[in-house]
Amino acid sequence: MIGRLNHVAIAVRDISAAAALYRDTLGADVSAAVPQHEHGVTTVFVTLPNTKIEFLEPLGADSPIAKFLERNPDGGIHHICYEVDDIIVARDQLKAAGARVLGSGEPKTGAHGKPVLFLHPKDFNGTLVELEQA
């Protein structure tokens, strides 16, 4: 069902500093920061040869990333994202197998402009999983 690893998301307090660290210290290709109002975050993507790293900075006090950073003051890995060929088929198969889809269960448009869903971390070894339609 799952395809390639699309990205690993890291919650950060200062997205500019995180981007500079990866760009200037590691020599990575780093995107501009983009506010994602629907998700309450600002994102930056680091492009690697085999996947991406996504930095997430809270966009306001109600952001889910703000809550994550309250529990994890230094930031850290927030979620991993896998690609799927058909997000509705994947959702239905996962739900039939007992996995919990967060929110309404309907896909939202993600940072790449593609449909995404999130799966409950308690169902996936303590890891928040994002599925993105390839």
N, C-alpha and C. Protein backbone atom coordinates (compact mmCIF):
# COMPACT_ATOMS: atom_id res chain seq x y z
N MET A 1 0.81 -1.19 0.00
CA MET A 1 0.00 0.00 0.00
C MET A 1 0.86 1.26 0.00
N ILE A 2 1.78 1.40 0.98
CA ILE A 2 2.57 2.63 1.02
C ILE A 2 3.67 2.59 -0.03
N GLY A 3 3.95 3.76 -0.53
CA GLY A 3 5.02 3.90 -1.51
C GLY A 3 6.26 4.48 -0.86
N ARG A 4 6.89 5.37 -1.58
CA ARG A 4 8.16 5.90 -1.09
C ARG A 4 7.95 6.88 0.08
N LEU A 5 9.01 7.05 0.84
CA LEU A 5 9.01 8.04 1.91
C LEU A 5 9.04 9.41 1.26
N ASN A 6 8.02 10.23 1.51
CA ASN A 6 7.96 11.56 0.91
C ASN A 6 8.78 12.55 1.71
N HIS A 7 8.58 12.57 3.05
CA HIS A 7 9.37 13.47 3.87
C HIS A 7 9.30 13.09 5.34
N VAL A 8 10.25 13.63 6.09
CA VAL A 8 10.26 13.56 7.55
C VAL A 8 10.07 14.99 8.01
N ALA A 9 9.08 15.23 8.88
CA ALA A 9 8.77 16.58 9.34
C ALA A 9 9.37 16.81 10.73
N ILE A 10 10.04 17.96 10.87
CA ILE A 10 10.67 18.33 12.13
C ILE A 10 10.06 19.64 12.61
N ALA A 11 9.53 19.63 13.82
CA ALA A 11 8.98 20.85 14.42
C ALA A 11 10.14 21.69 14.94
N VAL A 12 10.10 22.99 14.65
CA VAL A 12 11.16 23.91 15.07
C VAL A 12 10.55 25.19 15.62
N ARG A 13 11.27 25.84 16.49
CA ARG A 13 10.83 27.14 17.03
C ARG A 13 11.19 28.28 16.08
N ASP A 14 12.31 28.13 15.37
CA ASP A 14 12.82 29.20 14.50
C ASP A 14 13.15 28.60 13.14
N ILE A 15 12.21 28.74 12.22
CA ILE A 15 12.35 28.11 10.91
C ILE A 15 13.51 28.72 10.10
N SER A 16 13.76 30.01 10.30
CA SER A 16 14.88 30.66 9.59
C SER A 16 16.22 30.09 10.05
N ALA A 17 16.35 29.87 11.36
CA ALA A 17 17.59 29.30 11.88
C ALA A 17 17.77 27.86 11.42
N ALA A 18 16.68 27.09 11.41
CA ALA A 18 16.76 25.70 10.95
C ALA A 18 17.14 25.64 9.47
N ALA A 19 16.53 26.51 8.67
CA ALA A 19 16.84 26.54 7.23
C ALA A 19 18.30 26.94 7.02
N ALA A 20 18.77 27.93 7.77
CA ALA A 20 20.16 28.38 7.63
C ALA A 20 21.14 27.27 8.02
N LEU A 21 20.81 26.54 9.08
CA LEU A 21 21.68 25.44 9.52
C LEU A 21 21.85 24.41 8.41
N TYR A 22 20.75 23.99 7.82
CA TYR A 22 20.83 22.98 6.76
C TYR A 22 21.45 23.53 5.48
N ARG A 23 21.15 24.78 5.14
CA ARG A 23 21.70 25.39 3.93
C ARG A 23 23.19 25.69 4.10
N ASP A 24 23.54 26.38 5.18
CA ASP A 24 24.90 26.90 5.33
C ASP A 24 25.87 25.88 5.91
N THR A 25 25.41 25.02 6.80
CA THR A 25 26.30 24.05 7.43
C THR A 25 26.34 22.74 6.67
N LEU A 26 25.17 22.28 6.21
CA LEU A 26 25.11 20.99 5.53
C LEU A 26 25.11 21.11 4.01
N GLY A 27 24.97 22.33 3.49
CA GLY A 27 24.99 22.54 2.04
C GLY A 27 23.76 22.04 1.32
N ALA A 28 22.63 22.01 2.01
CA ALA A 28 21.40 21.46 1.43
C ALA A 28 20.66 22.51 0.60
N ASP A 29 19.83 22.01 -0.30
CA ASP A 29 18.92 22.83 -1.10
C ASP A 29 17.68 23.09 -0.24
N VAL A 30 17.46 24.34 0.14
CA VAL A 30 16.41 24.71 1.08
C VAL A 30 15.44 25.67 0.40
N SER A 31 14.14 25.40 0.53
CA SER A 31 13.11 26.24 -0.08
C SER A 31 12.88 27.50 0.75
N ALA A 32 12.11 28.40 0.20
CA ALA A 32 11.64 29.55 0.95
C ALA A 32 10.56 29.10 1.93
N ALA A 33 10.34 29.89 2.97
CA ALA A 33 9.28 29.60 3.94
C ALA A 33 7.93 29.94 3.32
N VAL A 34 6.95 29.05 3.55
CA VAL A 34 5.60 29.24 3.01
C VAL A 34 4.58 29.05 4.13
N PRO A 35 3.78 30.08 4.43
CA PRO A 35 2.72 29.90 5.42
C PRO A 35 1.65 28.96 4.89
N GLN A 36 1.22 28.02 5.73
CA GLN A 36 0.15 27.07 5.38
C GLN A 36 -0.99 27.34 6.36
N HIS A 37 -1.77 28.37 6.10
CA HIS A 37 -2.80 28.83 7.04
C HIS A 37 -3.79 27.74 7.42
N GLU A 38 -4.18 26.90 6.47
CA GLU A 38 -5.15 25.84 6.75
C GLU A 38 -4.63 24.86 7.81
N HIS A 39 -3.30 24.70 7.88
CA HIS A 39 -2.70 23.75 8.81
C HIS A 39 -2.07 24.43 10.02
N GLY A 40 -2.05 25.75 10.05
CA GLY A 40 -1.51 26.47 11.19
C GLY A 40 -0.01 26.41 11.32
N VAL A 41 0.69 26.27 10.19
CA VAL A 41 2.15 26.18 10.22
C VAL A 41 2.78 26.97 9.08
N THR A 42 4.05 27.26 9.25
CA THR A 42 4.88 27.71 8.14
C THR A 42 5.83 26.56 7.83
N THR A 43 6.03 26.30 6.54
CA THR A 43 6.87 25.17 6.14
C THR A 43 8.08 25.62 5.33
N VAL A 44 9.14 24.86 5.46
CA VAL A 44 10.33 24.95 4.62
C VAL A 44 10.68 23.52 4.26
N PHE A 45 11.03 23.29 3.00
CA PHE A 45 11.43 21.95 2.59
C PHE A 45 12.91 21.92 2.22
N VAL A 46 13.58 20.90 2.71
CA VAL A 46 14.98 20.62 2.38
C VAL A 46 14.94 19.45 1.42
N THR A 47 15.43 19.65 0.21
CA THR A 47 15.40 18.60 -0.80
C THR A 47 16.69 17.79 -0.75
N LEU A 48 16.53 16.49 -0.58
CA LEU A 48 17.64 15.55 -0.56
C LEU A 48 17.53 14.66 -1.79
N PRO A 49 18.58 13.93 -2.15
CA PRO A 49 18.50 13.08 -3.34
C PRO A 49 17.41 12.02 -3.28
N ASN A 50 17.06 11.53 -2.08
CA ASN A 50 16.11 10.43 -1.97
C ASN A 50 14.82 10.76 -1.24
N THR A 51 14.70 11.97 -0.67
CA THR A 51 13.48 12.36 0.05
C THR A 51 13.57 13.84 0.40
N LYS A 52 12.72 14.30 1.30
CA LYS A 52 12.75 15.68 1.77
C LYS A 52 12.67 15.71 3.29
N ILE A 53 13.14 16.82 3.85
CA ILE A 53 12.92 17.15 5.26
C ILE A 53 11.98 18.35 5.24
N GLU A 54 10.96 18.33 6.09
CA GLU A 54 10.04 19.46 6.19
C GLU A 54 10.20 20.07 7.58
N PHE A 55 10.52 21.37 7.63
CA PHE A 55 10.52 22.08 8.90
C PHE A 55 9.14 22.68 9.09
N LEU A 56 8.63 22.58 10.32
CA LEU A 56 7.32 23.11 10.68
C LEU A 56 7.49 24.10 11.82
N GLU A 57 7.06 25.32 11.60
CA GLU A 57 7.06 26.34 12.65
C GLU A 57 5.62 26.74 12.91
N PRO A 58 5.23 26.92 14.17
CA PRO A 58 3.84 27.29 14.46
C PRO A 58 3.46 28.61 13.79
N LEU A 59 2.25 28.65 13.29
CA LEU A 59 1.68 29.87 12.72
C LEU A 59 0.54 30.27 13.65
N GLY A 60 0.91 30.87 14.78
CA GLY A 60 -0.08 31.26 15.77
C GLY A 60 -0.11 30.32 16.95
N ALA A 61 -0.72 30.78 18.03
CA ALA A 61 -0.75 30.02 19.29
C ALA A 61 -1.62 28.77 19.21
N ASP A 62 -2.58 28.73 18.30
CA ASP A 62 -3.48 27.57 18.18
C ASP A 62 -2.92 26.47 17.29
N SER A 63 -1.74 26.67 16.76
CA SER A 63 -1.13 25.68 15.87
C SER A 63 -0.88 24.37 16.60
N PRO A 64 -1.13 23.23 15.93
CA PRO A 64 -0.77 21.95 16.56
C PRO A 64 0.73 21.84 16.81
N ILE A 65 1.52 22.57 16.05
CA ILE A 65 2.97 22.55 16.25
C ILE A 65 3.34 23.32 17.51
N ALA A 66 2.60 24.38 17.84
CA ALA A 66 2.84 25.10 19.10
C ALA A 66 2.64 24.16 20.28
N LYS A 67 1.59 23.36 20.21
CA LYS A 67 1.31 22.40 21.28
C LYS A 67 2.42 21.33 21.35
N PHE A 68 2.89 20.88 20.20
CA PHE A 68 3.99 19.90 20.15
C PHE A 68 5.23 20.50 20.81
N LEU A 69 5.53 21.77 20.50
CA LEU A 69 6.73 22.41 21.05
C LEU A 69 6.60 22.68 22.55
N GLU A 70 5.38 22.81 23.06
CA GLU A 70 5.21 22.93 24.50
C GLU A 70 5.69 21.65 25.19
N ARG A 71 5.40 20.51 24.59
CA ARG A 71 5.80 19.22 25.16
C ARG A 71 7.25 18.87 24.82
N ASN A 72 7.76 19.44 23.72
CA ASN A 72 9.11 19.16 23.24
C ASN A 72 9.81 20.49 22.96
N PRO A 73 10.29 21.17 23.99
CA PRO A 73 10.81 22.53 23.84
C PRO A 73 11.95 22.68 22.83
N ASP A 74 12.71 21.62 22.62
CA ASP A 74 13.82 21.70 21.66
C ASP A 74 13.39 21.33 20.24
N GLY A 75 12.11 21.03 20.05
CA GLY A 75 11.63 20.59 18.74
C GLY A 75 11.90 19.11 18.57
N GLY A 76 11.78 18.64 17.35
CA GLY A 76 12.04 17.23 17.08
C GLY A 76 11.16 16.71 15.96
N ILE A 77 11.32 15.42 15.68
CA ILE A 77 10.54 14.80 14.61
C ILE A 77 9.07 14.81 15.00
N HIS A 78 8.25 15.37 14.12
CA HIS A 78 6.81 15.48 14.35
C HIS A 78 6.05 14.35 13.66
N HIS A 79 6.39 14.07 12.38
CA HIS A 79 5.71 12.99 11.66
C HIS A 79 6.54 12.54 10.47
N ILE A 80 6.14 11.40 9.92
CA ILE A 80 6.73 10.92 8.67
C ILE A 80 5.61 10.82 7.65
N CYS A 81 5.95 11.04 6.39
CA CYS A 81 4.95 11.04 5.33
C CYS A 81 5.31 10.00 4.27
N TYR A 82 4.35 9.15 3.99
CA TYR A 82 4.49 8.14 2.93
C TYR A 82 3.54 8.47 1.79
N GLU A 83 3.96 8.17 0.59
CA GLU A 83 3.10 8.34 -0.57
C GLU A 83 2.22 7.10 -0.74
N VAL A 84 1.01 7.31 -1.23
CA VAL A 84 0.10 6.23 -1.60
C VAL A 84 -0.47 6.56 -2.98
N ASP A 85 -0.80 5.51 -3.74
CA ASP A 85 -1.34 5.74 -5.08
C ASP A 85 -2.73 6.35 -5.05
N ASP A 86 -3.57 5.89 -4.13
CA ASP A 86 -4.95 6.37 -4.04
C ASP A 86 -5.29 6.54 -2.56
N ILE A 87 -5.39 7.78 -2.13
CA ILE A 87 -5.55 8.07 -0.70
C ILE A 87 -6.89 7.55 -0.15
N ILE A 88 -7.93 7.54 -0.96
CA ILE A 88 -9.23 7.04 -0.49
C ILE A 88 -9.18 5.53 -0.31
N VAL A 89 -8.61 4.82 -1.25
CA VAL A 89 -8.46 3.37 -1.13
C VAL A 89 -7.59 3.04 0.08
N ALA A 90 -6.48 3.76 0.25
CA ALA A 90 -5.60 3.52 1.40
C ALA A 90 -6.34 3.78 2.70
N ARG A 91 -7.07 4.90 2.79
CA ARG A 91 -7.84 5.23 3.99
C ARG A 91 -8.82 4.11 4.33
N ASP A 92 -9.57 3.67 3.33
CA ASP A 92 -10.60 2.65 3.57
C ASP A 92 -9.98 1.33 4.01
N GLN A 93 -8.85 0.95 3.42
CA GLN A 93 -8.17 -0.28 3.81
C GLN A 93 -7.65 -0.18 5.24
N LEU A 94 -7.08 0.97 5.57
CA LEU A 94 -6.54 1.17 6.92
C LEU A 94 -7.65 1.16 7.96
N LYS A 95 -8.74 1.84 7.68
CA LYS A 95 -9.86 1.86 8.62
C LYS A 95 -10.43 0.46 8.81
N ALA A 96 -10.52 -0.30 7.74
CA ALA A 96 -11.03 -1.67 7.83
C ALA A 96 -10.11 -2.54 8.68
N ALA A 97 -8.82 -2.18 8.70
CA ALA A 97 -7.85 -2.93 9.50
C ALA A 97 -7.77 -2.42 10.93
N GLY A 98 -8.56 -1.38 11.26
CA GLY A 98 -8.60 -0.88 12.63
C GLY A 98 -7.78 0.37 12.90
N ALA A 99 -7.13 0.92 11.89
CA ALA A 99 -6.35 2.14 12.09
C ALA A 99 -7.27 3.35 12.19
N ARG A 100 -6.88 4.31 13.00
CA ARG A 100 -7.67 5.52 13.18
C ARG A 100 -7.11 6.65 12.32
N VAL A 101 -8.00 7.26 11.55
CA VAL A 101 -7.66 8.42 10.73
C VAL A 101 -8.05 9.64 11.55
N LEU A 102 -7.14 10.59 11.66
CA LEU A 102 -7.40 11.79 12.46
C LEU A 102 -8.30 12.77 11.72
N GLY A 103 -8.95 13.63 12.49
CA GLY A 103 -9.83 14.63 11.91
C GLY A 103 -11.12 14.00 11.40
N SER A 104 -11.65 14.59 10.35
CA SER A 104 -12.93 14.12 9.78
C SER A 104 -12.79 12.82 9.00
N GLY A 105 -11.57 12.45 8.66
CA GLY A 105 -11.35 11.27 7.83
C GLY A 105 -11.33 11.60 6.35
N GLU A 106 -11.65 12.84 6.03
CA GLU A 106 -11.59 13.29 4.63
C GLU A 106 -10.25 13.95 4.37
N PRO A 107 -9.65 13.69 3.22
CA PRO A 107 -8.35 14.30 2.91
C PRO A 107 -8.43 15.83 2.86
N LYS A 108 -7.34 16.45 3.29
CA LYS A 108 -7.15 17.89 3.15
C LYS A 108 -6.03 18.10 2.14
N THR A 109 -5.91 19.31 1.65
CA THR A 109 -4.82 19.63 0.74
C THR A 109 -3.58 19.92 1.58
N GLY A 110 -2.50 19.21 1.30
CA GLY A 110 -1.26 19.37 2.04
C GLY A 110 -0.35 20.44 1.45
N ALA A 111 0.84 20.55 2.00
CA ALA A 111 1.80 21.57 1.60
C ALA A 111 2.25 21.45 0.15
N HIS A 112 2.13 20.26 -0.43
CA HIS A 112 2.51 20.06 -1.83
C HIS A 112 1.33 20.20 -2.78
N GLY A 113 0.17 20.60 -2.23
CA GLY A 113 -1.01 20.75 -3.06
C GLY A 113 -1.71 19.44 -3.39
N LYS A 114 -1.37 18.39 -2.67
CA LYS A 114 -1.95 17.06 -2.90
C LYS A 114 -2.77 16.65 -1.68
N PRO A 115 -3.72 15.72 -1.86
CA PRO A 115 -4.52 15.26 -0.73
C PRO A 115 -3.67 14.52 0.30
N VAL A 116 -3.93 14.81 1.60
CA VAL A 116 -3.22 14.16 2.70
C VAL A 116 -4.19 13.76 3.80
N LEU A 117 -3.79 12.76 4.55
CA LEU A 117 -4.49 12.30 5.76
C LEU A 117 -3.44 11.98 6.81
N PHE A 118 -3.84 12.08 8.08
CA PHE A 118 -2.95 11.71 9.17
C PHE A 118 -3.54 10.53 9.92
N LEU A 119 -2.66 9.63 10.37
CA LEU A 119 -3.05 8.42 11.08
C LEU A 119 -2.59 8.51 12.53
N HIS A 120 -3.41 8.02 13.43
CA HIS A 120 -3.15 8.15 14.87
C HIS A 120 -1.82 7.49 15.24
N PRO A 121 -0.98 8.22 15.99
CA PRO A 121 0.33 7.66 16.37
C PRO A 121 0.23 6.40 17.22
N LYS A 122 -0.82 6.25 18.01
CA LYS A 122 -0.94 5.05 18.85
C LYS A 122 -1.14 3.80 18.01
N ASP A 123 -1.55 3.96 16.76
CA ASP A 123 -1.72 2.81 15.88
C ASP A 123 -0.47 2.48 15.08
N PHE A 124 0.56 3.35 15.17
CA PHE A 124 1.77 3.18 14.36
C PHE A 124 3.03 3.39 15.19
N ASN A 125 3.12 2.62 16.27
CA ASN A 125 4.31 2.58 17.10
C ASN A 125 4.72 3.95 17.64
N GLY A 126 3.74 4.77 17.97
CA GLY A 126 4.03 6.07 18.56
C GLY A 126 4.43 7.14 17.56
N THR A 127 4.25 6.88 16.28
CA THR A 127 4.65 7.83 15.25
C THR A 127 3.43 8.34 14.49
N LEU A 128 3.30 9.66 14.43
CA LEU A 128 2.26 10.27 13.60
C LEU A 128 2.63 10.03 12.15
N VAL A 129 1.71 9.45 11.39
CA VAL A 129 1.96 9.11 9.98
C VAL A 129 1.04 9.96 9.11
N GLU A 130 1.65 10.59 8.12
CA GLU A 130 0.90 11.32 7.10
C GLU A 130 0.93 10.49 5.83
N LEU A 131 -0.21 10.40 5.17
CA LEU A 131 -0.27 9.77 3.85
C LEU A 131 -0.54 10.88 2.84
N GLU A 132 0.20 10.85 1.74
CA GLU A 132 0.01 11.84 0.67
C GLU A 132 -0.20 11.10 -0.63
N GLN A 133 -1.22 11.53 -1.37
CA GLN A 133 -1.46 10.90 -2.67
C GLN A 133 -0.32 11.24 -3.61
N ALA A 134 0.24 10.22 -4.23
CA ALA A 134 1.40 10.41 -5.14
C ALA A 134 0.96 11.14 -6.40
